[in-house]
Amino acid sequence: MMTQEQIDISSDDRSIREAIDKYARGMETANVETMRGAFHDLAILCGYLGDELIAAPIQGLFDWVGSNPPPEEFSFSIVAIEITGRVATAKARETDTHGTVIDHFHLLKEGDDWGIVSKLWDSE
C-alpha cells in the first residue's frame, strides 16, 4: 500500500513533467502560448549559446521563440527530477538545429500547480 507521501510525490512528479512538457512542446512548435503555461510569471533564463552568455527575464525566451520558425529537428528527454517539498529541479537533454544542450529547470509549487522559475543551460 502506498503512503500519502508516496502518492503526493507521484502526483508532484506527474505535474512537474506536465510543466516541462509544455516547455518542450512550445519549443518544438514555436508556440509561445503553450510554453508560457510552463513558467512562473517571474521566471528567468541563463545559459550559453556557444560562448555567448544569455541572461534575461523569461519574456526574452518568449520573444525569441515567437520570432523564429519551429526547429527543423527537435528532441527532448527528461534525465532526472528531484523534489524537495514545494521546490524541484529537473534535468533534461534538448537537441535542435543549434545542437544539444543540457537544461536545468528549477520549479516552484504554488497551491497544486508547478511552474518553472528558472531555466539554465549549456552545451552538452
C-alpha atoms as a PDB file:
ATOM      1  CA  MET A   1       0.000   0.000   0.000  1.00  0.00           C
ATOM      2  CA  MET A   2       1.305   3.460  -0.911  1.00  0.00           C
ATOM      3  CA  THR A   3       1.753   6.066   1.802  1.00  0.00           C
ATOM      4  CA  GLN A   4       0.312   9.563   1.455  1.00  0.00           C
ATOM      5  CA  GLU A   5       3.855  10.891   0.906  1.00  0.00           C
ATOM      6  CA  GLN A   6       4.409   8.455  -1.994  1.00  0.00           C
ATOM      7  CA  ILE A   7       1.065   9.459  -3.537  1.00  0.00           C
ATOM      8  CA  ASP A   8       1.974  13.168  -3.198  1.00  0.00           C
ATOM      9  CA  ILE A   9       5.408  12.635  -4.777  1.00  0.00           C
ATOM     10  CA  SER A  10       3.855  10.670  -7.633  1.00  0.00           C
ATOM     11  CA  SER A  11       1.310  13.447  -8.211  1.00  0.00           C
ATOM     12  CA  ASP A  12       4.016  16.105  -7.978  1.00  0.00           C
ATOM     13  CA  ASP A  13       6.291  14.182 -10.353  1.00  0.00           C
ATOM     14  CA  ARG A  14       3.458  13.973 -12.877  1.00  0.00           C
ATOM     15  CA  SER A  15       2.691  17.707 -12.544  1.00  0.00           C
ATOM     16  CA  ILE A  16       6.359  18.641 -12.922  1.00  0.00           C
ATOM     17  CA  ARG A  17       6.600  16.501 -16.055  1.00  0.00           C
ATOM     18  CA  GLU A  18       3.485  18.248 -17.428  1.00  0.00           C
ATOM     19  CA  ALA A  19       5.086  21.683 -16.889  1.00  0.00           C
ATOM     20  CA  ILE A  20       8.331  20.576 -18.539  1.00  0.00           C
ATOM     21  CA  ASP A  21       6.326  19.034 -21.398  1.00  0.00           C
ATOM     22  CA  LYS A  22       4.611  22.399 -22.029  1.00  0.00           C
ATOM     23  CA  TYR A  23       8.042  23.953 -22.389  1.00  0.00           C
ATOM     24  CA  ALA A  24       9.204  21.220 -24.794  1.00  0.00           C
ATOM     25  CA  ARG A  25       6.023  21.357 -26.915  1.00  0.00           C
ATOM     26  CA  GLY A  26       6.307  25.141 -27.097  1.00  0.00           C
ATOM     27  CA  MET A  27       9.933  24.931 -28.249  1.00  0.00           C
ATOM     28  CA  GLU A  28       9.184  22.197 -30.782  1.00  0.00           C
ATOM     29  CA  THR A  29       6.248  24.054 -32.339  1.00  0.00           C
ATOM     30  CA  ALA A  30       7.446  27.645 -31.716  1.00  0.00           C
ATOM     31  CA  ASN A  31       4.198  28.199 -29.792  1.00  0.00           C
ATOM     32  CA  VAL A  32       4.748  30.864 -27.144  1.00  0.00           C
ATOM     33  CA  GLU A  33       1.319  30.420 -25.538  1.00  0.00           C
ATOM     34  CA  THR A  34       1.933  26.703 -24.947  1.00  0.00           C
ATOM     35  CA  MET A  35       5.331  27.500 -23.479  1.00  0.00           C
ATOM     36  CA  ARG A  36       4.051  30.373 -21.346  1.00  0.00           C
ATOM     37  CA  GLY A  37       1.895  27.896 -19.392  1.00  0.00           C
ATOM     38  CA  ALA A  38       5.049  26.170 -18.091  1.00  0.00           C
ATOM     39  CA  PHE A  39       6.623  29.221 -16.467  1.00  0.00           C
ATOM     40  CA  HIS A  40       6.061  31.312 -13.366  1.00  0.00           C
ATOM     41  CA  ASP A  41       5.491  34.988 -14.218  1.00  0.00           C
ATOM     42  CA  LEU A  42       8.800  35.985 -12.603  1.00  0.00           C
ATOM     43  CA  ALA A  43      10.905  33.257 -14.242  1.00  0.00           C
ATOM     44  CA  ILE A  44      14.398  33.914 -15.571  1.00  0.00           C
ATOM     45  CA  LEU A  45      16.743  32.212 -18.002  1.00  0.00           C
ATOM     46  CA  CYS A  46      20.530  31.983 -18.106  1.00  0.00           C
ATOM     47  CA  GLY A  47      22.759  29.934 -20.316  1.00  0.00           C
ATOM     48  CA  TYR A  48      25.213  29.729 -23.137  1.00  0.00           C
ATOM     49  CA  LEU A  49      24.662  29.726 -26.880  1.00  0.00           C
ATOM     50  CA  GLY A  50      28.186  28.839 -27.978  1.00  0.00           C
ATOM     51  CA  ASP A  51      30.379  31.230 -25.981  1.00  0.00           C
ATOM     52  CA  GLU A  52      27.660  33.875 -25.670  1.00  0.00           C
ATOM     53  CA  LEU A  53      26.091  34.209 -22.218  1.00  0.00           C
ATOM     54  CA  ILE A  54      22.360  34.851 -22.365  1.00  0.00           C
ATOM     55  CA  ALA A  55      20.553  36.072 -19.247  1.00  0.00           C
ATOM     56  CA  ALA A  56      17.085  37.608 -19.229  1.00  0.00           C
ATOM     57  CA  PRO A  57      13.602  37.547 -17.792  1.00  0.00           C
ATOM     58  CA  ILE A  58      11.593  34.714 -19.337  1.00  0.00           C
ATOM     59  CA  GLN A  59       9.972  37.151 -21.765  1.00  0.00           C
ATOM     60  CA  GLY A  60      13.296  37.085 -23.623  1.00  0.00           C
ATOM     61  CA  LEU A  61      12.761  33.400 -24.414  1.00  0.00           C
ATOM     62  CA  PHE A  62       9.156  34.030 -25.429  1.00  0.00           C
ATOM     63  CA  ASP A  63      10.273  36.837 -27.757  1.00  0.00           C
ATOM     64  CA  TRP A  64      12.968  34.644 -29.332  1.00  0.00           C
ATOM     65  CA  VAL A  65      10.633  31.665 -29.840  1.00  0.00           C
ATOM     66  CA  GLY A  66       7.899  33.908 -31.242  1.00  0.00           C
ATOM     67  CA  SER A  67      10.244  35.452 -33.803  1.00  0.00           C
ATOM     68  CA  ASN A  68      11.660  32.155 -35.122  1.00  0.00           C
ATOM     69  CA  PRO A  69      10.118  29.267 -37.048  1.00  0.00           C
ATOM     70  CA  PRO A  70       9.862  25.845 -35.390  1.00  0.00           C
ATOM     71  CA  PRO A  71      13.184  23.989 -35.461  1.00  0.00           C
ATOM     72  CA  GLU A  72      13.664  21.541 -38.327  1.00  0.00           C
ATOM     73  CA  GLU A  73      14.772  18.910 -35.835  1.00  0.00           C
ATOM     74  CA  PHE A  74      13.909  18.656 -32.159  1.00  0.00           C
ATOM     75  CA  SER A  75      14.243  16.049 -29.448  1.00  0.00           C
ATOM     76  CA  PHE A  76      13.782  16.382 -25.727  1.00  0.00           C
ATOM     77  CA  SER A  77      14.027  13.977 -22.813  1.00  0.00           C
ATOM     78  CA  ILE A  78      13.905  14.395 -19.057  1.00  0.00           C
ATOM     79  CA  VAL A  79      17.001  12.896 -17.453  1.00  0.00           C
ATOM     80  CA  ALA A  80      16.178  13.394 -13.756  1.00  0.00           C
ATOM     81  CA  ILE A  81      13.727  15.023 -11.367  1.00  0.00           C
ATOM     82  CA  GLU A  82      14.368  15.770  -7.710  1.00  0.00           C
ATOM     83  CA  ILE A  83      11.602  17.056  -5.437  1.00  0.00           C
ATOM     84  CA  THR A  84      12.100  18.689  -2.037  1.00  0.00           C
ATOM     85  CA  GLY A  85       8.722  19.685  -0.655  1.00  0.00           C
ATOM     86  CA  ARG A  86       7.458  22.592  -2.754  1.00  0.00           C
ATOM     87  CA  VAL A  87      10.614  23.038  -4.853  1.00  0.00           C
ATOM     88  CA  ALA A  88      12.093  20.789  -7.509  1.00  0.00           C
ATOM     89  CA  THR A  89      14.815  20.510 -10.092  1.00  0.00           C
ATOM     90  CA  ALA A  90      14.582  18.779 -13.442  1.00  0.00           C
ATOM     91  CA  LYS A  91      17.448  17.983 -15.781  1.00  0.00           C
ATOM     92  CA  ALA A  92      16.745  17.446 -19.482  1.00  0.00           C
ATOM     93  CA  ARG A  93      18.589  16.889 -22.763  1.00  0.00           C
ATOM     94  CA  GLU A  94      17.390  19.074 -25.640  1.00  0.00           C
ATOM     95  CA  THR A  95      18.550  18.865 -29.246  1.00  0.00           C
ATOM     96  CA  ASP A  96      17.584  21.206 -32.060  1.00  0.00           C
ATOM     97  CA  THR A  97      19.234  22.809 -35.072  1.00  0.00           C
ATOM     98  CA  HIS A  98      21.613  24.706 -32.726  1.00  0.00           C
ATOM     99  CA  GLY A  99      22.979  21.489 -31.173  1.00  0.00           C
ATOM    100  CA  THR A 100      22.464  19.631 -27.895  1.00  0.00           C
ATOM    101  CA  VAL A 101      22.166  21.324 -24.525  1.00  0.00           C
ATOM    102  CA  ILE A 102      21.538  20.149 -21.011  1.00  0.00           C
ATOM    103  CA  ASP A 103      18.729  22.131 -19.393  1.00  0.00           C
ATOM    104  CA  HIS A 104      18.399  22.579 -15.640  1.00  0.00           C
ATOM    105  CA  PHE A 105      14.920  23.708 -14.641  1.00  0.00           C
ATOM    106  CA  HIS A 106      14.031  24.930 -11.164  1.00  0.00           C
ATOM    107  CA  LEU A 107      10.371  24.673 -10.288  1.00  0.00           C
ATOM    108  CA  LEU A 108       8.153  26.008  -7.531  1.00  0.00           C
ATOM    109  CA  LYS A 109       4.806  24.658  -6.363  1.00  0.00           C
ATOM    110  CA  GLU A 110       2.035  27.183  -5.705  1.00  0.00           C
ATOM    111  CA  GLY A 111      -1.147  25.521  -4.492  1.00  0.00           C
ATOM    112  CA  ASP A 112      -1.377  22.401  -6.656  1.00  0.00           C
ATOM    113  CA  ASP A 113       0.470  23.884  -9.651  1.00  0.00           C
ATOM    114  CA  TRP A 114       4.149  23.598 -10.532  1.00  0.00           C
ATOM    115  CA  GLY A 115       5.830  26.334 -12.570  1.00  0.00           C
ATOM    116  CA  ILE A 116       9.352  26.792 -13.853  1.00  0.00           C
ATOM    117  CA  VAL A 117      11.081  29.716 -12.110  1.00  0.00           C
ATOM    118  CA  SER A 118      14.442  29.360 -13.860  1.00  0.00           C
ATOM    119  CA  LYS A 119      15.924  27.695 -16.906  1.00  0.00           C
ATOM    120  CA  LEU A 120      19.699  27.228 -17.011  1.00  0.00           C
ATOM    121  CA  TRP A 121      21.502  25.525 -19.870  1.00  0.00           C
ATOM    122  CA  ASP A 122      24.835  24.847 -21.514  1.00  0.00           C
ATOM    123  CA  SER A 123      26.133  22.735 -24.375  1.00  0.00           C
ATOM    124  CA  GLU A 124      26.457  19.069 -23.609  1.00  0.00           C
END
